[in-house]
Amino acid sequence: MEPVKKQFDKLKPALVTAIVIFFIMALFAGWAVQQIPADTRLPVHLNVNGQPDRYAGKFLGLFMMPIVVFFISILLVLVPNIEPRKKHIKMSMKAYNLILISIVLVFATLHIIVVMNALGKAFSIDKIVPALIGALFIVIGNYMGKVRSNFMLGIKTPWTLSSELSWNKTHRLSGRLFILSGFLIVLSSLLSTGKVTMAILLYSVFGTVIISFAYSYIIWKKDPYKQSNGVN
């Protein structure tokens, strides 16, 4: 088994980022609790038009994002240990770190927006949230082709998990689709209404998933070295 220190060294960029951001978010939330009236309701969910449609009390609303980042930090440590294809996840550490850092930064930005809105500093949630998601798609798309086959990160279908050829080609295609979707979402968030942007976001996600699933099966069928059980 790989020494614990060496394993943590590989996780250090994402883990340190997540821990530091968690404490900053928690401190910011703790400060904001003192500034916001007790009966304040904060948005915790958006509808298809990008407008808040579910609210929570100030404690849940302020600490929900830090809690999510805290659990992401735990997953950062657990995933490489329980991944059946440990060798592959270790070979994908650069992508693993950068994707998870991007996810944590998105949550941190959302947290700032929620807190600032609660403090009376208005931010356009229906514009900023889709733009953040689009930017995240672009980052994920750039690194999808660099992720080796594993059970935790990537496009996991029965066919990608049992064929290296299917995994590699599907992730190269999916990466391009994620990048294209991300640019469309960001552009739409800047130029269109929230309803149009959310429609583009949903169609992009479903379209990418459907195309990726179908493509992974097509490539799997052509692979003479595919496996029947999906385990190396």
Protein backbone atom coordinates (compact mmCIF):
# COMPACT_ATOMS: atom_id res chain seq x y z
CA MET A 1 0.00 0.00 0.00
CA GLU A 2 1.26 3.46 -0.85
CA PRO A 3 2.54 5.41 2.19
CA VAL A 4 -0.06 7.77 3.62
CA LYS A 5 2.23 10.82 3.32
CA LYS A 6 2.87 10.17 -0.36
CA GLN A 7 -0.86 9.80 -1.00
CA PHE A 8 -1.62 13.08 0.79
CA ASP A 9 1.11 14.82 -1.21
CA LYS A 10 -0.77 13.94 -4.40
CA LEU A 11 -4.03 15.23 -2.93
CA LYS A 12 -2.46 18.31 -1.36
CA PRO A 13 -3.51 20.95 -3.95
CA ALA A 14 -7.21 20.12 -3.76
CA LEU A 15 -7.24 19.18 -0.08
CA VAL A 16 -5.46 22.32 1.11
CA THR A 17 -7.65 24.49 -1.12
CA ALA A 18 -10.84 22.85 0.18
CA ILE A 19 -9.80 23.15 3.84
CA VAL A 20 -8.70 26.79 3.55
CA ILE A 21 -11.86 27.76 1.66
CA PHE A 22 -14.02 25.88 4.17
CA PHE A 23 -12.61 27.89 7.08
CA ILE A 24 -12.94 31.17 5.18
CA MET A 25 -16.55 30.37 4.29
CA ALA A 26 -17.36 29.30 7.85
CA LEU A 27 -15.84 32.48 9.30
CA PHE A 28 -17.67 34.61 6.75
CA ALA A 29 -20.95 32.84 7.60
CA GLY A 30 -20.29 33.26 11.32
CA TRP A 31 -19.73 36.99 10.83
CA ALA A 32 -22.82 37.32 8.61
CA VAL A 33 -25.04 35.60 11.21
CA GLN A 34 -24.43 38.55 13.52
CA GLN A 35 -25.35 41.07 10.81
CA ILE A 36 -28.56 39.51 9.47
CA PRO A 37 -31.93 39.75 11.27
CA ALA A 38 -33.13 36.51 12.88
CA ASP A 39 -36.18 36.19 10.63
CA THR A 40 -34.19 36.48 7.35
CA ARG A 41 -34.91 33.78 4.77
CA LEU A 42 -32.14 32.84 2.34
CA PRO A 43 -32.51 31.10 -1.07
CA VAL A 44 -31.35 27.47 -1.18
CA HIS A 45 -32.81 26.38 -4.53
CA LEU A 46 -33.46 27.87 -7.99
CA ASN A 47 -36.30 27.05 -10.40
CA VAL A 48 -35.97 26.50 -14.16
CA ASN A 49 -36.07 30.27 -14.69
CA GLY A 50 -33.04 30.73 -12.46
CA GLN A 51 -35.12 32.35 -9.73
CA PRO A 52 -35.11 31.29 -6.04
CA ASP A 53 -38.09 29.11 -5.20
CA ARG A 54 -37.04 27.58 -1.88
CA TYR A 55 -35.80 29.38 1.19
CA ALA A 56 -34.33 28.44 4.56
CA GLY A 57 -33.56 30.15 7.84
CA LYS A 58 -30.38 32.15 8.14
CA PHE A 59 -28.34 29.44 9.88
CA LEU A 60 -29.02 26.76 7.26
CA GLY A 61 -28.81 29.31 4.44
CA LEU A 62 -25.46 30.64 5.64
CA PHE A 63 -23.79 27.40 6.64
CA MET A 64 -25.10 25.04 3.94
CA MET A 65 -22.30 25.83 1.46
CA PRO A 66 -19.49 25.51 4.03
CA ILE A 67 -20.94 22.14 5.09
CA VAL A 68 -20.94 20.98 1.46
CA VAL A 69 -17.28 22.00 1.08
CA PHE A 70 -16.47 20.19 4.33
CA PHE A 71 -17.91 16.93 2.97
CA ILE A 72 -16.10 17.45 -0.34
CA SER A 73 -12.87 17.63 1.71
CA ILE A 74 -13.69 14.28 3.32
CA LEU A 75 -14.45 12.73 -0.07
CA LEU A 76 -11.12 13.97 -1.39
CA VAL A 77 -9.40 11.70 1.10
CA LEU A 78 -11.79 8.74 0.88
CA VAL A 79 -12.15 8.36 -2.87
CA PRO A 80 -8.56 7.32 -3.72
CA ASN A 81 -8.67 4.77 -0.88
CA ILE A 82 -11.88 3.04 -1.94
CA GLU A 83 -11.37 3.30 -5.70
CA PRO A 84 -11.00 -0.25 -7.17
CA ARG A 85 -8.63 1.07 -9.86
CA LYS A 86 -6.26 2.91 -7.52
CA LYS A 87 -3.47 2.95 -10.08
CA HIS A 88 -5.65 4.77 -12.60
CA ILE A 89 -6.94 7.36 -10.12
CA LYS A 90 -3.34 8.08 -9.08
CA MET A 91 -2.41 8.58 -12.73
CA SER A 92 -5.32 11.06 -13.00
CA MET A 93 -4.37 13.16 -9.98
CA LYS A 94 -3.73 16.38 -11.92
CA ALA A 95 -7.23 16.30 -13.41
CA TYR A 96 -8.69 15.05 -10.10
CA ASN A 97 -7.17 17.98 -8.18
CA LEU A 98 -8.08 20.68 -10.69
CA ILE A 99 -11.67 19.53 -11.18
CA LEU A 100 -12.31 19.34 -7.44
CA ILE A 101 -10.64 22.71 -6.81
CA SER A 102 -12.95 24.21 -9.45
CA ILE A 103 -16.01 22.67 -7.79
CA VAL A 104 -14.98 24.04 -4.38
CA LEU A 105 -14.41 27.52 -5.87
CA VAL A 106 -17.89 27.45 -7.42
CA PHE A 107 -19.44 26.66 -4.04
CA ALA A 108 -17.37 29.42 -2.42
CA THR A 109 -18.56 31.95 -5.00
CA LEU A 110 -22.18 30.88 -4.52
CA HIS A 111 -21.71 31.28 -0.79
CA ILE A 112 -20.45 34.84 -1.22
CA ILE A 113 -23.41 35.69 -3.46
CA VAL A 114 -25.95 34.29 -0.96
CA VAL A 115 -24.37 36.14 1.95
CA MET A 116 -24.05 39.43 0.09
CA ASN A 117 -27.66 39.25 -1.07
CA ALA A 118 -28.73 38.60 2.52
CA LEU A 119 -26.77 41.70 3.55
CA GLY A 120 -28.65 43.80 0.99
CA LYS A 121 -25.95 43.85 -1.69
CA ALA A 122 -27.94 42.65 -4.67
CA PHE A 123 -26.36 40.15 -7.07
CA SER A 124 -28.19 38.73 -10.08
CA ILE A 125 -28.36 35.04 -9.15
CA ASP A 126 -30.07 34.06 -12.41
CA LYS A 127 -27.06 35.45 -14.33
CA ILE A 128 -24.16 34.50 -12.09
CA VAL A 129 -25.12 30.90 -11.22
CA PRO A 130 -25.43 29.67 -14.84
CA ALA A 131 -22.19 31.49 -15.72
CA LEU A 132 -20.42 29.67 -12.87
CA ILE A 133 -21.81 26.33 -14.01
CA GLY A 134 -20.75 27.07 -17.58
CA ALA A 135 -17.24 27.95 -16.45
CA LEU A 136 -17.12 24.72 -14.43
CA PHE A 137 -18.17 22.75 -17.52
CA ILE A 138 -15.29 24.31 -19.47
CA VAL A 139 -12.76 23.31 -16.79
CA ILE A 140 -14.14 19.78 -16.53
CA GLY A 141 -14.18 19.43 -20.30
CA ASN A 142 -10.54 20.45 -20.57
CA TYR A 143 -9.44 17.66 -18.23
CA MET A 144 -11.87 14.84 -19.00
CA GLY A 145 -9.59 13.41 -21.66
CA LYS A 146 -6.80 13.13 -19.08
CA VAL A 147 -8.77 10.96 -16.64
CA ARG A 148 -7.93 7.25 -16.73
CA SER A 149 -10.67 4.66 -16.31
CA ASN A 150 -12.01 4.49 -12.76
CA PHE A 151 -15.27 4.04 -10.88
CA MET A 152 -15.42 7.48 -9.22
CA LEU A 153 -14.65 10.22 -11.74
CA GLY A 154 -15.80 10.54 -15.33
CA ILE A 155 -18.40 9.07 -17.70
CA LYS A 156 -19.07 5.69 -16.10
CA THR A 157 -21.13 3.38 -18.28
CA PRO A 158 -20.93 -0.43 -18.45
CA TRP A 159 -19.05 0.04 -21.73
CA THR A 160 -16.46 2.63 -20.69
CA LEU A 161 -15.68 0.59 -17.57
CA SER A 162 -15.06 -2.56 -19.58
CA SER A 163 -13.15 -1.06 -22.51
CA GLU A 164 -10.15 1.25 -22.38
CA LEU A 165 -10.85 2.25 -25.97
CA SER A 166 -14.43 3.20 -25.14
CA TRP A 167 -13.33 5.09 -22.02
CA ASN A 168 -10.65 7.11 -23.81
CA LYS A 169 -12.67 7.99 -26.91
CA THR A 170 -15.85 8.73 -24.94
CA HIS A 171 -14.01 11.09 -22.61
CA ARG A 172 -12.33 12.92 -25.46
CA LEU A 173 -15.73 13.45 -27.10
CA SER A 174 -17.46 14.30 -23.82
CA GLY A 175 -14.72 16.78 -23.00
CA ARG A 176 -15.40 18.68 -26.21
CA LEU A 177 -19.15 18.58 -25.53
CA PHE A 178 -18.63 19.92 -22.01
CA ILE A 179 -16.48 22.76 -23.31
CA LEU A 180 -19.01 23.63 -26.02
CA SER A 181 -21.87 23.46 -23.50
CA GLY A 182 -19.94 25.63 -21.07
CA PHE A 183 -19.33 28.37 -23.62
CA LEU A 184 -23.00 28.30 -24.69
CA ILE A 185 -24.18 28.55 -21.09
CA VAL A 186 -21.81 31.42 -20.24
CA LEU A 187 -22.74 33.30 -23.41
CA SER A 188 -26.44 32.75 -22.78
CA SER A 189 -26.13 33.94 -19.17
CA LEU A 190 -24.66 37.20 -20.46
CA LEU A 191 -27.05 37.80 -23.36
CA SER A 192 -30.33 36.02 -22.61
CA THR A 193 -32.99 35.69 -19.95
CA GLY A 194 -32.73 33.24 -17.09
CA LYS A 195 -35.34 30.94 -18.64
CA VAL A 196 -33.42 30.63 -21.92
CA THR A 197 -30.15 30.06 -20.09
CA MET A 198 -31.61 27.32 -17.90
CA ALA A 199 -33.10 25.65 -20.98
CA ILE A 200 -29.69 25.68 -22.69
CA LEU A 201 -28.09 24.31 -19.51
CA LEU A 202 -30.58 21.44 -19.19
CA TYR A 203 -30.49 20.52 -22.89
CA SER A 204 -26.68 20.65 -22.84
CA VAL A 205 -26.46 18.32 -19.86
CA PHE A 206 -29.00 15.82 -21.16
CA GLY A 207 -27.59 16.01 -24.67
CA THR A 208 -24.04 15.37 -23.45
CA VAL A 209 -25.18 12.44 -21.30
CA ILE A 210 -27.22 10.81 -24.08
CA ILE A 211 -24.51 11.26 -26.73
CA SER A 212 -21.81 9.99 -24.36
CA PHE A 213 -23.79 6.89 -23.41
CA ALA A 214 -24.59 6.05 -27.02
CA TYR A 215 -21.04 6.72 -28.21
CA SER A 216 -19.51 4.63 -25.42
CA TYR A 217 -21.61 1.65 -26.51
CA ILE A 218 -20.74 2.08 -30.20
CA ILE A 219 -17.00 2.19 -29.47
CA TRP A 220 -17.29 -0.73 -27.02
CA LYS A 221 -18.89 -2.87 -29.74
CA LYS A 222 -15.90 -2.21 -32.00
CA ASP A 223 -13.25 -2.95 -29.36
CA PRO A 224 -11.76 -6.46 -29.77
CA TYR A 225 -10.12 -6.19 -26.34
CA LYS A 226 -13.23 -5.28 -24.35
CA GLN A 227 -13.90 -7.11 -21.10
CA SER A 228 -17.12 -8.67 -19.93
CA ASN A 229 -16.82 -7.80 -16.22
CA GLY A 230 -15.40 -4.25 -16.41
CA VAL A 231 -12.58 -4.96 -13.96
CA ASN A 232 -8.90 -4.91 -14.85
